[in-house]
Amino acid sequence: MIVGTLLSYFFWKTGRIWTGVFVSTLLITGMLIANTALQSPPW
């Protein structure tokens, strides 16, 4: 839902899809890295 909102917002502002795709990719990558860091063992 957040990604869809970001994509439509940046498409509306710029008229191109690539800005929204880039920002969404960074958001998803950051969420995956944070999730992996939280679930990794402490050793």
PDB file of N, CA and C in Angstrom:
ATOM      1  N   MET A   1       0.823  -1.181   0.000  1.00  0.00           N
ATOM      2  CA  MET A   1       0.000   0.000   0.000  1.00  0.00           C
ATOM      3  C   MET A   1       0.879   1.262   0.000  1.00  0.00           C
ATOM      4  N   ILE A   2       1.953   1.230   0.763  1.00  0.00           N
ATOM      5  CA  ILE A   2       2.860   2.377   0.813  1.00  0.00           C
ATOM      6  C   ILE A   2       3.575   2.538  -0.529  1.00  0.00           C
ATOM      7  N   VAL A   3       3.974   1.421  -1.116  1.00  0.00           N
ATOM      8  CA  VAL A   3       4.677   1.480  -2.398  1.00  0.00           C
ATOM      9  C   VAL A   3       3.754   2.035  -3.484  1.00  0.00           C
ATOM     10  N   GLY A   4       2.519   1.618  -3.492  1.00  0.00           N
ATOM     11  CA  GLY A   4       1.563   2.132  -4.468  1.00  0.00           C
ATOM     12  C   GLY A   4       1.332   3.623  -4.318  1.00  0.00           C
ATOM     13  N   THR A   5       1.274   4.086  -3.085  1.00  0.00           N
ATOM     14  CA  THR A   5       1.112   5.513  -2.834  1.00  0.00           C
ATOM     15  C   THR A   5       2.327   6.288  -3.317  1.00  0.00           C
ATOM     16  N   LEU A   6       3.521   5.768  -3.023  1.00  0.00           N
ATOM     17  CA  LEU A   6       4.744   6.427  -3.485  1.00  0.00           C
ATOM     18  C   LEU A   6       4.816   6.477  -5.010  1.00  0.00           C
ATOM     19  N   LEU A   7       4.496   5.358  -5.644  1.00  0.00           N
ATOM     20  CA  LEU A   7       4.559   5.311  -7.095  1.00  0.00           C
ATOM     21  C   LEU A   7       3.603   6.308  -7.735  1.00  0.00           C
ATOM     22  N   SER A   8       2.377   6.356  -7.245  1.00  0.00           N
ATOM     23  CA  SER A   8       1.414   7.281  -7.841  1.00  0.00           C
ATOM     24  C   SER A   8       1.765   8.735  -7.542  1.00  0.00           C
ATOM     25  N   TYR A   9       2.298   9.023  -6.357  1.00  0.00           N
ATOM     26  CA  TYR A   9       2.679  10.392  -6.015  1.00  0.00           C
ATOM     27  C   TYR A   9       3.796  10.894  -6.933  1.00  0.00           C
ATOM     28  N   PHE A  10       4.858  10.095  -7.076  1.00  0.00           N
ATOM     29  CA  PHE A  10       5.977  10.535  -7.898  1.00  0.00           C
ATOM     30  C   PHE A  10       5.617  10.560  -9.377  1.00  0.00           C
ATOM     31  N   PHE A  11       4.722   9.688  -9.820  1.00  0.00           N
ATOM     32  CA  PHE A  11       4.273   9.755 -11.207  1.00  0.00           C
ATOM     33  C   PHE A  11       3.479  11.032 -11.438  1.00  0.00           C
ATOM     34  N   TRP A  12       2.665  11.411 -10.470  1.00  0.00           N
ATOM     35  CA  TRP A  12       1.874  12.631 -10.592  1.00  0.00           C
ATOM     36  C   TRP A  12       2.761  13.879 -10.582  1.00  0.00           C
ATOM     37  N   LYS A  13       3.810  13.862  -9.738  1.00  0.00           N
ATOM     38  CA  LYS A  13       4.692  15.025  -9.643  1.00  0.00           C
ATOM     39  C   LYS A  13       5.622  15.161 -10.858  1.00  0.00           C
ATOM     40  N   THR A  14       6.182  14.054 -11.332  1.00  0.00           N
ATOM     41  CA  THR A  14       7.204  14.139 -12.371  1.00  0.00           C
ATOM     42  C   THR A  14       6.703  13.737 -13.753  1.00  0.00           C
ATOM     43  N   GLY A  15       5.659  12.942 -13.834  1.00  0.00           N
ATOM     44  CA  GLY A  15       5.186  12.463 -15.131  1.00  0.00           C
ATOM     45  C   GLY A  15       5.933  11.251 -15.634  1.00  0.00           C
ATOM     46  N   ARG A  16       6.858  10.748 -14.838  1.00  0.00           N
ATOM     47  CA  ARG A  16       7.627   9.554 -15.206  1.00  0.00           C
ATOM     48  C   ARG A  16       7.568   8.554 -14.054  1.00  0.00           C
ATOM     49  N   ILE A  17       7.681   7.280 -14.399  1.00  0.00           N
ATOM     50  CA  ILE A  17       7.574   6.255 -13.365  1.00  0.00           C
ATOM     51  C   ILE A  17       8.895   5.983 -12.657  1.00  0.00           C
ATOM     52  N   TRP A  18      10.015   6.393 -13.256  1.00  0.00           N
ATOM     53  CA  TRP A  18      11.320   5.955 -12.771  1.00  0.00           C
ATOM     54  C   TRP A  18      11.682   6.534 -11.407  1.00  0.00           C
ATOM     55  N   THR A  19      11.253   7.728 -11.107  1.00  0.00           N
ATOM     56  CA  THR A  19      11.556   8.307  -9.792  1.00  0.00           C
ATOM     57  C   THR A  19      10.876   7.506  -8.694  1.00  0.00           C
ATOM     58  N   GLY A  20       9.615   7.174  -8.884  1.00  0.00           N
ATOM     59  CA  GLY A  20       8.889   6.371  -7.901  1.00  0.00           C
ATOM     60  C   GLY A  20       9.463   4.982  -7.752  1.00  0.00           C
ATOM     61  N   VAL A  21       9.882   4.400  -8.863  1.00  0.00           N
ATOM     62  CA  VAL A  21      10.488   3.064  -8.819  1.00  0.00           C
ATOM     63  C   VAL A  21      11.784   3.093  -8.027  1.00  0.00           C
ATOM     64  N   PHE A  22      12.608   4.116  -8.243  1.00  0.00           N
ATOM     65  CA  PHE A  22      13.871   4.230  -7.533  1.00  0.00           C
ATOM     66  C   PHE A  22      13.649   4.401  -6.031  1.00  0.00           C
ATOM     67  N   VAL A  23      12.739   5.283  -5.650  1.00  0.00           N
ATOM     68  CA  VAL A  23      12.462   5.520  -4.229  1.00  0.00           C
ATOM     69  C   VAL A  23      11.855   4.274  -3.592  1.00  0.00           C
ATOM     70  N   SER A  24      10.952   3.612  -4.282  1.00  0.00           N
ATOM     71  CA  SER A  24      10.336   2.395  -3.744  1.00  0.00           C
ATOM     72  C   SER A  24      11.366   1.282  -3.575  1.00  0.00           C
ATOM     73  N   THR A  25      12.292   1.172  -4.522  1.00  0.00           N
ATOM     74  CA  THR A  25      13.344   0.166  -4.414  1.00  0.00           C
ATOM     75  C   THR A  25      14.211   0.417  -3.187  1.00  0.00           C
ATOM     76  N   LEU A  26      14.572   1.684  -2.955  1.00  0.00           N
ATOM     77  CA  LEU A  26      15.355   2.000  -1.761  1.00  0.00           C
ATOM     78  C   LEU A  26      14.579   1.684  -0.481  1.00  0.00           C
ATOM     79  N   LEU A  27      13.291   1.993  -0.468  1.00  0.00           N
ATOM     80  CA  LEU A  27      12.460   1.716   0.711  1.00  0.00           C
ATOM     81  C   LEU A  27      12.366   0.211   0.974  1.00  0.00           C
ATOM     82  N   ILE A  28      12.092  -0.561  -0.045  1.00  0.00           N
ATOM     83  CA  ILE A  28      11.953  -2.011   0.122  1.00  0.00           C
ATOM     84  C   ILE A  28      13.282  -2.637   0.541  1.00  0.00           C
ATOM     85  N   THR A  29      14.382  -2.197  -0.073  1.00  0.00           N
ATOM     86  CA  THR A  29      15.696  -2.720   0.293  1.00  0.00           C
ATOM     87  C   THR A  29      16.035  -2.403   1.742  1.00  0.00           C
ATOM     88  N   GLY A  30      15.762  -1.191   2.161  1.00  0.00           N
ATOM     89  CA  GLY A  30      16.006  -0.808   3.553  1.00  0.00           C
ATOM     90  C   GLY A  30      15.173  -1.617   4.531  1.00  0.00           C
ATOM     91  N   MET A  31      13.902  -1.868   4.174  1.00  0.00           N
ATOM     92  CA  MET A  31      13.043  -2.670   5.048  1.00  0.00           C
ATOM     93  C   MET A  31      13.547  -4.106   5.147  1.00  0.00           C
ATOM     94  N   LEU A  32      13.999  -4.682   4.037  1.00  0.00           N
ATOM     95  CA  LEU A  32      14.515  -6.051   4.059  1.00  0.00           C
ATOM     96  C   LEU A  32      15.802  -6.148   4.863  1.00  0.00           C
ATOM     97  N   ILE A  33      16.684  -5.184   4.722  1.00  0.00           N
ATOM     98  CA  ILE A  33      17.935  -5.199   5.481  1.00  0.00           C
ATOM     99  C   ILE A  33      17.665  -5.036   6.971  1.00  0.00           C
ATOM    100  N   ALA A  34      16.758  -4.143   7.325  1.00  0.00           N
ATOM    101  CA  ALA A  34      16.429  -3.944   8.735  1.00  0.00           C
ATOM    102  C   ALA A  34      15.788  -5.203   9.325  1.00  0.00           C
ATOM    103  N   ASN A  35      14.921  -5.846   8.563  1.00  0.00           N
ATOM    104  CA  ASN A  35      14.273  -7.063   9.036  1.00  0.00           C
ATOM    105  C   ASN A  35      15.293  -8.177   9.223  1.00  0.00           C
ATOM    106  N   THR A  36      16.232  -8.296   8.312  1.00  0.00           N
ATOM    107  CA  THR A  36      17.267  -9.318   8.425  1.00  0.00           C
ATOM    108  C   THR A  36      18.172  -9.043   9.623  1.00  0.00           C
ATOM    109  N   ALA A  37      18.489  -7.788   9.852  1.00  0.00           N
ATOM    110  CA  ALA A  37      19.360  -7.436  10.975  1.00  0.00           C
ATOM    111  C   ALA A  37      18.690  -7.740  12.306  1.00  0.00           C
ATOM    112  N   LEU A  38      17.384  -7.595  12.391  1.00  0.00           N
ATOM    113  CA  LEU A  38      16.667  -7.868  13.625  1.00  0.00           C
ATOM    114  C   LEU A  38      16.554  -9.371  13.899  1.00  0.00           C
ATOM    115  N   GLN A  39      16.529 -10.181  12.845  1.00  0.00           N
ATOM    116  CA  GLN A  39      16.325 -11.621  13.025  1.00  0.00           C
ATOM    117  C   GLN A  39      17.629 -12.412  13.077  1.00  0.00           C
ATOM    118  N   SER A  40      18.753 -11.763  12.844  1.00  0.00           N
ATOM    119  CA  SER A  40      20.006 -12.500  12.840  1.00  0.00           C
ATOM    120  C   SER A  40      20.429 -12.846  14.263  1.00  0.00           C
ATOM    121  N   PRO A  41      21.130 -13.944  14.432  1.00  0.00           N
ATOM    122  CA  PRO A  41      21.605 -14.298  15.780  1.00  0.00           C
ATOM    123  C   PRO A  41      22.667 -13.315  16.251  1.00  0.00           C
ATOM    124  N   PRO A  42      22.795 -13.121  17.555  1.00  0.00           N
ATOM    125  CA  PRO A  42      23.725 -12.121  18.078  1.00  0.00           C
ATOM    126  C   PRO A  42      25.186 -12.527  18.015  1.00  0.00           C
ATOM    127  N   TRP A  43      25.506 -13.724  17.592  1.00  0.00           N
ATOM    128  CA  TRP A  43      26.897 -14.150  17.538  1.00  0.00           C
ATOM    129  C   TRP A  43      27.353 -13.985  16.161  1.00  0.00           C
TER     130      TRP A  43
END
